[in-house]
C-alpha atoms as a PDB file:
ATOM      1  CA  MET A   1      57.149  39.850 154.692  1.00  0.00           C
ATOM      2  CA  LYS A   2      60.404  37.913 154.695  1.00  0.00           C
ATOM      3  CA  TRP A   3      62.962  38.473 151.997  1.00  0.00           C
ATOM      4  CA  ILE A   4      63.625  35.548 149.659  1.00  0.00           C
ATOM      5  CA  PRO A   5      66.424  35.461 147.067  1.00  0.00           C
ATOM      6  CA  ALA A   6      65.273  35.713 143.464  1.00  0.00           C
ATOM      7  CA  CYS A   7      66.782  32.325 142.642  1.00  0.00           C
ATOM      8  CA  ALA A   8      64.672  30.715 145.382  1.00  0.00           C
ATOM      9  CA  LEU A   9      61.538  32.350 144.018  1.00  0.00           C
ATOM     10  CA  LEU A  10      62.396  31.079 140.552  1.00  0.00           C
ATOM     11  CA  PHE A  11      62.857  27.554 141.950  1.00  0.00           C
ATOM     12  CA  LEU A  12      59.532  27.647 143.774  1.00  0.00           C
ATOM     13  CA  THR A  13      57.749  29.053 140.707  1.00  0.00           C
ATOM     14  CA  LEU A  14      59.092  26.436 138.304  1.00  0.00           C
ATOM     15  CA  VAL A  15      59.299  23.334 140.493  1.00  0.00           C
ATOM     16  CA  ALA A  16      56.399  23.569 142.938  1.00  0.00           C
ATOM     17  CA  PRO A  17      53.598  23.346 140.335  1.00  0.00           C
ATOM     18  CA  ALA A  18      55.288  20.364 138.697  1.00  0.00           C
ATOM     19  CA  LEU A  19      55.542  18.535 142.049  1.00  0.00           C
ATOM     20  CA  GLY A  20      51.828  18.848 142.658  1.00  0.00           C
ATOM     21  CA  LYS A  21      50.667  18.104 139.132  1.00  0.00           C
ATOM     22  CA  ALA A  22      48.305  15.135 138.959  1.00  0.00           C
ATOM     23  CA  PRO A  23      48.135  12.963 135.840  1.00  0.00           C
ATOM     24  CA  SER A  24      44.945  13.134 133.790  1.00  0.00           C
ATOM     25  CA  GLY A  25      43.228  10.297 132.021  1.00  0.00           C
ATOM     26  CA  PRO A  26      40.366   7.814 132.201  1.00  0.00           C
ATOM     27  CA  ASP A  27      38.419   6.931 135.336  1.00  0.00           C
ATOM     28  CA  VAL A  28      40.243   4.124 137.154  1.00  0.00           C
ATOM     29  CA  LEU A  29      38.295   1.542 139.142  1.00  0.00           C
ATOM     30  CA  ILE A  30      40.308   0.520 142.219  1.00  0.00           C
ATOM     31  CA  VAL A  31      39.632  -2.560 144.388  1.00  0.00           C
ATOM     32  CA  ALA A  32      41.989  -2.741 147.394  1.00  0.00           C
ATOM     33  CA  ASP A  33      42.170  -5.608 149.907  1.00  0.00           C
ATOM     34  CA  VAL A  34      44.328  -6.419 152.928  1.00  0.00           C
ATOM     35  CA  LEU A  35      44.551 -10.206 153.217  1.00  0.00           C
ATOM     36  CA  SER A  36      46.484 -10.751 156.439  1.00  0.00           C
ATOM     37  CA  ALA A  37      46.582  -9.464 159.999  1.00  0.00           C
ATOM     38  CA  ARG A  38      47.905  -5.918 160.191  1.00  0.00           C
ATOM     39  CA  ASN A  39      50.864  -6.973 162.357  1.00  0.00           C
ATOM     40  CA  SER A  40      52.071  -9.300 159.582  1.00  0.00           C
ATOM     41  CA  LEU A  41      53.563  -6.300 157.807  1.00  0.00           C
ATOM     42  CA  PRO A  42      54.596  -2.987 159.334  1.00  0.00           C
ATOM     43  CA  GLU A  43      52.940   0.033 157.783  1.00  0.00           C
ATOM     44  CA  PRO A  44      55.472   1.668 155.427  1.00  0.00           C
ATOM     45  CA  THR A  45      56.473   5.249 156.132  1.00  0.00           C
ATOM     46  CA  ALA A  46      59.005   7.658 154.655  1.00  0.00           C
ATOM     47  CA  GLU A  47      61.275   7.007 157.650  1.00  0.00           C
ATOM     48  CA  GLN A  48      60.793   3.223 157.588  1.00  0.00           C
ATOM     49  CA  PRO A  49      59.872   2.048 154.090  1.00  0.00           C
ATOM     50  CA  VAL A  50      59.087  -1.595 153.378  1.00  0.00           C
ATOM     51  CA  ARG A  51      61.501  -3.250 150.967  1.00  0.00           C
ATOM     52  CA  TYR A  52      60.480  -5.887 148.445  1.00  0.00           C
ATOM     53  CA  VAL A  53      61.591  -7.988 145.500  1.00  0.00           C
ATOM     54  CA  LEU A  54      59.584  -7.717 142.293  1.00  0.00           C
ATOM     55  CA  LEU A  55      58.416 -10.980 140.719  1.00  0.00           C
ATOM     56  CA  GLY A  56      56.032 -11.995 137.979  1.00  0.00           C
ATOM     57  CA  GLY A  57      55.263  -9.451 135.323  1.00  0.00           C
ATOM     58  CA  LEU A  58      53.118 -11.667 133.085  1.00  0.00           C
ATOM     59  CA  GLU A  59      50.414 -10.670 130.612  1.00  0.00           C
ATOM     60  CA  ARG A  60      47.149 -12.556 131.091  1.00  0.00           C
ATOM     61  CA  ASP A  61      43.808 -11.891 129.426  1.00  0.00           C
ATOM     62  CA  LEU A  62      40.630 -12.462 131.453  1.00  0.00           C
ATOM     63  CA  GLY A  63      38.042 -13.874 129.080  1.00  0.00           C
ATOM     64  CA  GLY A  64      38.587 -13.780 125.347  1.00  0.00           C
ATOM     65  CA  SER A  65      41.410 -11.532 124.196  1.00  0.00           C
ATOM     66  CA  ILE A  66      40.542  -8.132 122.750  1.00  0.00           C
ATOM     67  CA  ALA A  67      42.240  -7.484 119.417  1.00  0.00           C
ATOM     68  CA  GLY A  68      43.622  -4.241 118.051  1.00  0.00           C
ATOM     69  CA  PHE A  69      45.737  -3.029 120.982  1.00  0.00           C
ATOM     70  CA  PRO A  70      49.416  -2.132 120.629  1.00  0.00           C
ATOM     71  CA  PRO A  71      51.708  -4.303 122.764  1.00  0.00           C
ATOM     72  CA  THR A  72      52.330  -3.196 126.339  1.00  0.00           C
ATOM     73  CA  PRO A  73      56.060  -2.497 126.929  1.00  0.00           C
ATOM     74  CA  PRO A  74      56.929  -4.719 129.937  1.00  0.00           C
ATOM     75  CA  ALA A  75      60.091  -2.837 130.911  1.00  0.00           C
ATOM     76  CA  HIS A  76      58.297   0.521 130.966  1.00  0.00           C
ATOM     77  CA  LEU A  77      55.386  -0.926 132.942  1.00  0.00           C
ATOM     78  CA  ARG A  78      57.830  -2.325 135.489  1.00  0.00           C
ATOM     79  CA  GLU A  79      59.547   1.056 135.809  1.00  0.00           C
ATOM     80  CA  ILE A  80      56.267   2.904 136.391  1.00  0.00           C
ATOM     81  CA  LEU A  81      55.126   0.274 138.905  1.00  0.00           C
ATOM     82  CA  VAL A  82      58.337   0.693 140.932  1.00  0.00           C
ATOM     83  CA  GLN A  83      57.796   4.465 140.965  1.00  0.00           C
ATOM     84  CA  ALA A  84      54.166   4.073 142.068  1.00  0.00           C
ATOM     85  CA  LEU A  85      55.130   1.684 144.871  1.00  0.00           C
ATOM     86  CA  ALA A  86      57.776   4.153 146.044  1.00  0.00           C
ATOM     87  CA  ARG A  87      55.077   6.810 146.442  1.00  0.00           C
ATOM     88  CA  SER A  88      53.518   4.554 149.090  1.00  0.00           C
ATOM     89  CA  HIS A  89      56.945   3.895 150.663  1.00  0.00           C
ATOM     90  CA  PHE A  90      57.496   0.423 149.200  1.00  0.00           C
ATOM     91  CA  ILE A  91      61.108   0.390 147.991  1.00  0.00           C
ATOM     92  CA  GLU A  92      62.647  -2.233 145.703  1.00  0.00           C
ATOM     93  CA  ALA A  93      65.561  -4.051 147.348  1.00  0.00           C
ATOM     94  CA  ARG A  94      68.938  -3.785 145.695  1.00  0.00           C
ATOM     95  CA  LEU A  95      71.203  -6.657 144.779  1.00  0.00           C
ATOM     96  CA  GLY A  96      73.298  -7.682 147.771  1.00  0.00           C
ATOM     97  CA  GLU A  97      70.936  -6.259 150.364  1.00  0.00           C
ATOM     98  CA  ARG A  98      69.422  -8.301 153.144  1.00  0.00           C
ATOM     99  CA  LEU A  99      66.454 -10.432 152.034  1.00  0.00           C
ATOM    100  CA  PRO A 100      63.331  -8.208 152.248  1.00  0.00           C
ATOM    101  CA  PRO A 101      60.069  -9.367 153.876  1.00  0.00           C
ATOM    102  CA  VAL A 102      57.852  -8.888 150.825  1.00  0.00           C
ATOM    103  CA  ALA A 103      57.554 -10.125 147.253  1.00  0.00           C
ATOM    104  CA  ILE A 104      55.466  -8.001 144.894  1.00  0.00           C
ATOM    105  CA  VAL A 105      53.856  -9.814 141.957  1.00  0.00           C
ATOM    106  CA  TYR A 106      51.893  -8.252 139.113  1.00  0.00           C
ATOM    107  CA  THR A 107      50.006  -9.125 135.955  1.00  0.00           C
ATOM    108  CA  TRP A 108      48.184  -7.122 133.303  1.00  0.00           C
ATOM    109  CA  GLY A 109      46.000  -7.569 130.264  1.00  0.00           C
ATOM    110  CA  THR A 110      42.496  -7.234 128.855  1.00  0.00           C
ATOM    111  CA  ALA A 111      39.292  -8.248 130.610  1.00  0.00           C
ATOM    112  CA  LEU A 112      35.774  -8.844 129.338  1.00  0.00           C
ATOM    113  CA  LEU A 113      32.768 -10.845 130.435  1.00  0.00           C
ATOM    114  CA  ASP A 114      32.964 -14.019 128.339  1.00  0.00           C
ATOM    115  CA  THR A 115      29.401 -15.064 127.490  1.00  0.00           C
ATOM    116  CA  TYR A 116      27.573 -17.322 125.069  1.00  0.00           C
ATOM    117  CA  ASP A 117      23.869 -17.093 124.176  1.00  0.00           C
ATOM    118  CA  LEU A 118      22.264 -20.515 123.976  1.00  0.00           C
ATOM    119  CA  LEU A 119      19.044 -20.570 121.915  1.00  0.00           C
ATOM    120  CA  ASP A 120      16.346 -23.191 122.448  1.00  0.00           C
ATOM    121  CA  VAL A 121      13.243 -23.634 120.236  1.00  0.00           C
ATOM    122  CA  ASP A 122      10.142 -25.285 121.676  1.00  0.00           C
ATOM    123  CA  GLN A 123       9.050 -27.983 119.218  1.00  0.00           C
ATOM    124  CA  ASP A 124       5.357 -27.579 120.063  1.00  0.00           C
ATOM    125  CA  THR A 125       4.943 -23.786 120.200  1.00  0.00           C
ATOM    126  CA  ALA A 126       7.951 -22.739 118.108  1.00  0.00           C
ATOM    127  CA  GLU A 127       8.806 -20.216 120.833  1.00  0.00           C
ATOM    128  CA  THR A 128      12.465 -19.355 121.144  1.00  0.00           C
ATOM    129  CA  THR A 129      14.120 -18.870 124.520  1.00  0.00           C
ATOM    130  CA  SER A 130      17.631 -17.634 125.163  1.00  0.00           C
ATOM    131  CA  THR A 131      19.958 -18.551 128.008  1.00  0.00           C
ATOM    132  CA  THR A 132      23.206 -16.659 128.547  1.00  0.00           C
ATOM    133  CA  LEU A 133      26.133 -18.729 129.778  1.00  0.00           C
ATOM    134  CA  THR A 134      28.956 -16.861 131.529  1.00  0.00           C
ATOM    135  CA  PHE A 135      32.379 -18.489 131.706  1.00  0.00           C
ATOM    136  CA  ASN A 136      34.430 -16.030 133.779  1.00  0.00           C
ATOM    137  CA  GLN A 137      31.922 -14.253 135.987  1.00  0.00           C
ATOM    138  CA  ARG A 138      33.881 -14.988 139.178  1.00  0.00           C
ATOM    139  CA  GLU A 139      37.077 -13.424 137.794  1.00  0.00           C
ATOM    140  CA  MET A 140      35.239 -10.333 136.554  1.00  0.00           C
ATOM    141  CA  PHE A 141      33.396  -9.896 139.860  1.00  0.00           C
ATOM    142  CA  GLN A 142      36.741 -10.023 141.678  1.00  0.00           C
ATOM    143  CA  LEU A 143      38.388  -7.581 139.284  1.00  0.00           C
ATOM    144  CA  LEU A 144      35.579  -5.042 139.671  1.00  0.00           C
ATOM    145  CA  GLY A 145      34.909  -5.682 143.365  1.00  0.00           C
ATOM    146  CA  ILE A 146      31.256  -6.528 142.777  1.00  0.00           C
ATOM    147  CA  ASN A 147      31.124  -9.140 145.554  1.00  0.00           C
ATOM    148  CA  LYS A 148      32.603  -6.595 147.963  1.00  0.00           C
ATOM    149  CA  ALA A 149      30.165  -3.926 146.801  1.00  0.00           C
ATOM    150  CA  ARG A 150      27.199  -6.195 147.499  1.00  0.00           C
ATOM    151  CA  GLN A 151      28.190  -6.297 151.182  1.00  0.00           C
ATOM    152  CA  ARG A 152      27.846  -2.511 151.513  1.00  0.00           C
ATOM    153  CA  LEU A 153      25.266   0.122 150.813  1.00  0.00           C
ATOM    154  CA  MET A 154      26.164   1.928 147.609  1.00  0.00           C
ATOM    155  CA  SER A 155      24.539   4.813 145.804  1.00  0.00           C
ATOM    156  CA  ALA A 156      22.438   4.171 142.720  1.00  0.00           C
ATOM    157  CA  SER A 157      25.010   5.932 140.540  1.00  0.00           C
ATOM    158  CA  ASP A 158      27.898   3.799 141.873  1.00  0.00           C
ATOM    159  CA  THR A 159      25.849   0.634 141.334  1.00  0.00           C
ATOM    160  CA  GLN A 160      25.088   1.738 137.796  1.00  0.00           C
ATOM    161  CA  ASP A 161      28.777   2.480 137.170  1.00  0.00           C
ATOM    162  CA  LEU A 162      29.778  -1.004 138.367  1.00  0.00           C
ATOM    163  CA  THR A 163      27.125  -2.643 136.204  1.00  0.00           C
ATOM    164  CA  GLY A 164      28.365  -0.651 133.225  1.00  0.00           C
ATOM    165  CA  ALA A 165      31.958  -1.660 133.967  1.00  0.00           C
ATOM    166  CA  LEU A 166      30.954  -5.333 134.010  1.00  0.00           C
ATOM    167  CA  HIS A 167      29.572  -5.091 130.472  1.00  0.00           C
ATOM    168  CA  THR A 168      32.389  -3.119 128.843  1.00  0.00           C
ATOM    169  CA  ASP A 169      35.762  -4.289 127.569  1.00  0.00           C
ATOM    170  CA  ARG A 170      38.423  -3.327 130.096  1.00  0.00           C
ATOM    171  CA  LEU A 171      42.180  -3.101 130.623  1.00  0.00           C
ATOM    172  CA  TYR A 172      43.596  -4.054 133.988  1.00  0.00           C
ATOM    173  CA  ILE A 173      46.708  -4.220 136.174  1.00  0.00           C
ATOM    174  CA  PHE A 174      46.874  -6.487 139.240  1.00  0.00           C
ATOM    175  CA  VAL A 175      49.448  -5.932 142.012  1.00  0.00           C
ATOM    176  CA  ALA A 176      49.800  -8.117 145.119  1.00  0.00           C
ATOM    177  CA  ALA A 177      52.207  -8.498 148.028  1.00  0.00           C
ATOM    178  CA  LEU A 178      53.250 -11.921 149.342  1.00  0.00           C
ATOM    179  CA  ASP A 179      55.186 -12.934 152.424  1.00  0.00           C
ATOM    180  CA  LEU A 180      58.598 -13.733 150.954  1.00  0.00           C
ATOM    181  CA  ALA A 181      59.715 -16.052 153.787  1.00  0.00           C
ATOM    182  CA  ALA A 182      56.582 -18.184 153.289  1.00  0.00           C
ATOM    183  CA  LEU A 183      57.059 -18.107 149.516  1.00  0.00           C
ATOM    184  CA  ARG A 184      60.563 -19.519 149.883  1.00  0.00           C
ATOM    185  CA  GLN A 185      58.970 -22.452 151.713  1.00  0.00           C
ATOM    186  CA  ARG A 186      56.566 -22.923 148.781  1.00  0.00           C
ATOM    187  CA  LYS A 187      53.662 -21.489 150.789  1.00  0.00           C
ATOM    188  CA  MET A 188      51.362 -18.733 149.578  1.00  0.00           C
ATOM    189  CA  LYS A 189      50.721 -16.096 152.221  1.00  0.00           C
ATOM    190  CA  PRO A 190      49.159 -13.052 150.538  1.00  0.00           C
ATOM    191  CA  LEU A 191      49.441  -9.763 152.427  1.00  0.00           C
ATOM    192  CA  TRP A 192      47.486  -7.354 150.223  1.00  0.00           C
ATOM    193  CA  ARG A 193      46.313  -6.910 146.654  1.00  0.00           C
ATOM    194  CA  THR A 194      45.199  -3.989 144.516  1.00  0.00           C
ATOM    195  CA  ARG A 195      43.260  -4.330 141.282  1.00  0.00           C
ATOM    196  CA  MET A 196      42.888  -1.418 138.880  1.00  0.00           C
ATOM    197  CA  SER A 197      41.003  -1.323 135.585  1.00  0.00           C
ATOM    198  CA  ILE A 198      39.760   1.147 132.978  1.00  0.00           C
ATOM    199  CA  GLU A 199      37.399   1.044 130.041  1.00  0.00           C
ATOM    200  CA  ALA A 200      39.292  -0.146 126.982  1.00  0.00           C
ATOM    201  CA  ARG A 201      37.506   2.067 124.459  1.00  0.00           C
ATOM    202  CA  GLY A 202      39.660   4.868 123.070  1.00  0.00           C
ATOM    203  CA  THR A 203      42.900   3.990 124.834  1.00  0.00           C
ATOM    204  CA  SER A 204      45.472   1.252 125.416  1.00  0.00           C
ATOM    205  CA  LEU A 205      47.373  -0.038 128.407  1.00  0.00           C
ATOM    206  CA  ALA A 206      50.572   1.449 127.004  1.00  0.00           C
ATOM    207  CA  GLU A 207      48.904   4.894 126.974  1.00  0.00           C
ATOM    208  CA  SER A 208      47.097   4.647 130.311  1.00  0.00           C
ATOM    209  CA  MET A 209      49.277   2.526 132.610  1.00  0.00           C
ATOM    210  CA  GLU A 210      50.919   5.617 134.104  1.00  0.00           C
ATOM    211  CA  VAL A 211      47.641   7.204 135.183  1.00  0.00           C
ATOM    212  CA  MET A 212      46.328   3.819 136.356  1.00  0.00           C
ATOM    213  CA  LEU A 213      49.289   3.223 138.655  1.00  0.00           C
ATOM    214  CA  ALA A 214      49.350   6.836 139.847  1.00  0.00           C
ATOM    215  CA  SER A 215      45.686   6.475 140.788  1.00  0.00           C
ATOM    216  CA  ALA A 216      46.275   3.169 142.578  1.00  0.00           C
ATOM    217  CA  ALA A 217      49.445   4.169 144.463  1.00  0.00           C
ATOM    218  CA  PRO A 218      47.631   5.591 147.539  1.00  0.00           C
ATOM    219  CA  PHE A 219      45.730   2.281 147.887  1.00  0.00           C
ATOM    220  CA  PHE A 220      48.738  -0.076 147.989  1.00  0.00           C
ATOM    221  CA  GLY A 221      48.718  -1.981 151.278  1.00  0.00           C
ATOM    222  CA  ARG A 222      45.318  -0.556 152.248  1.00  0.00           C
ATOM    223  CA  GLU A 223      41.826  -1.968 152.677  1.00  0.00           C
ATOM    224  CA  GLU A 224      38.898  -0.235 151.005  1.00  0.00           C
ATOM    225  CA  ALA A 225      35.405  -1.299 152.040  1.00  0.00           C
ATOM    226  CA  ARG A 226      34.028  -0.844 148.523  1.00  0.00           C
ATOM    227  CA  PRO A 227      35.297  -0.315 144.959  1.00  0.00           C
ATOM    228  CA  VAL A 228      36.522   3.224 144.285  1.00  0.00           C
ATOM    229  CA  PHE A 229      36.337   5.162 141.020  1.00  0.00           C
ATOM    230  CA  VAL A 230      39.269   7.591 140.759  1.00  0.00           C
ATOM    231  CA  ASP A 231      38.706  10.394 138.261  1.00  0.00           C
ATOM    232  CA  ASP A 232      40.701  13.519 137.439  1.00  0.00           C
ATOM    233  CA  ALA A 233      39.024  15.505 140.229  1.00  0.00           C
ATOM    234  CA  ARG A 234      40.029  12.941 142.837  1.00  0.00           C
ATOM    235  CA  ARG A 235      43.554  12.680 141.464  1.00  0.00           C
ATOM    236  CA  ARG A 236      43.969  16.456 141.761  1.00  0.00           C
ATOM    237  CA  LYS A 237      43.243  16.235 145.494  1.00  0.00           C
ATOM    238  CA  VAL A 238      46.546  14.424 145.947  1.00  0.00           C
ATOM    239  CA  GLU A 239      48.846  17.432 145.774  1.00  0.00           C
ATOM    240  CA  VAL A 240      52.062  18.641 147.331  1.00  0.00           C
ATOM    241  CA  ARG A 241      51.407  20.921 150.293  1.00  0.00           C
ATOM    242  CA  MET A 242      54.200  23.400 150.900  1.00  0.00           C
ATOM    243  CA  GLY A 243      54.903  24.738 154.385  1.00  0.00           C
ATOM    244  CA  ASP A 244      56.114  28.108 155.646  1.00  0.00           C
ATOM    245  CA  ILE A 245      59.227  29.601 154.070  1.00  0.00           C
ATOM    246  CA  ARG A 246      62.056  30.591 156.376  1.00  0.00           C
ATOM    247  CA  VAL A 247      65.241  32.444 155.398  1.00  0.00           C
ATOM    248  CA  ILE A 248      68.403  31.588 157.332  1.00  0.00           C
ATOM    249  CA  ASP A 249      71.677  33.226 156.308  1.00  0.00           C
ATOM    250  CA  GLY A 250      70.331  33.795 152.807  1.00  0.00           C
ATOM    251  CA  ASP A 251      69.289  30.139 152.370  1.00  0.00           C
ATOM    252  CA  VAL A 252      65.728  28.986 151.923  1.00  0.00           C
ATOM    253  CA  SER A 253      64.303  26.018 153.829  1.00  0.00           C
ATOM    254  CA  LEU A 254      60.822  24.560 153.805  1.00  0.00           C
ATOM    255  CA  THR A 255      59.141  23.649 157.072  1.00  0.00           C
ATOM    256  CA  ALA A 256      56.817  20.688 156.675  1.00  0.00           C
ATOM    257  CA  PRO A 257      53.239  21.398 157.720  1.00  0.00           C
ATOM    258  CA  LYS A 258      52.198  19.809 160.985  1.00  0.00           C
END
């Protein structure tokens, strides 16, 4: 067994668990799409991150607004979003730097299926029939990835979860990447988008935006064939893996696992 200074052991004991700690919170429904050819944007890595400018940041309710929620702090949401993007090696460009290739836009708010029950009474039989009109079904299907799910085989439990999500009040955050050069020419060229939402009951966006963005970070810039529910168990799988410890001249270095 190799000797390690006590101070190094103290550092590893105190810091290592904190590095690997996953946030806990509600189940987050993630829908991730890549909207352009893969060669339109190089895959970001730690050695070659993709830089961007952050635009947008508007609150928009899908369907009728849901009352009773505390306001979402925009500055704090922006800060957490920048941190989440950095985890996937998207780095915000600094003032004075060369124009980056990507613009990141985002919105947030409440979402619910906006319906109206239309009653009709037959004049001859006095029978009453009911027809449900839906005003924002397309938006809700996109948010929850229902159209995408219909193109794939899904388990009965996942189908039930999606159906339940459609009929519950939800909170959402939408993040998308656009080609900045095309945007400057007033053209929309989307590169990727990631939608995340949670059930609104018992929480607020201000309380849950950190766990929502932490759950969505691994999906930024990626395509998922079907909607994904990220729960605490799945979040805990994303952990810091520490390599072998080597001692050189009394110093401690960590060798990354291969």
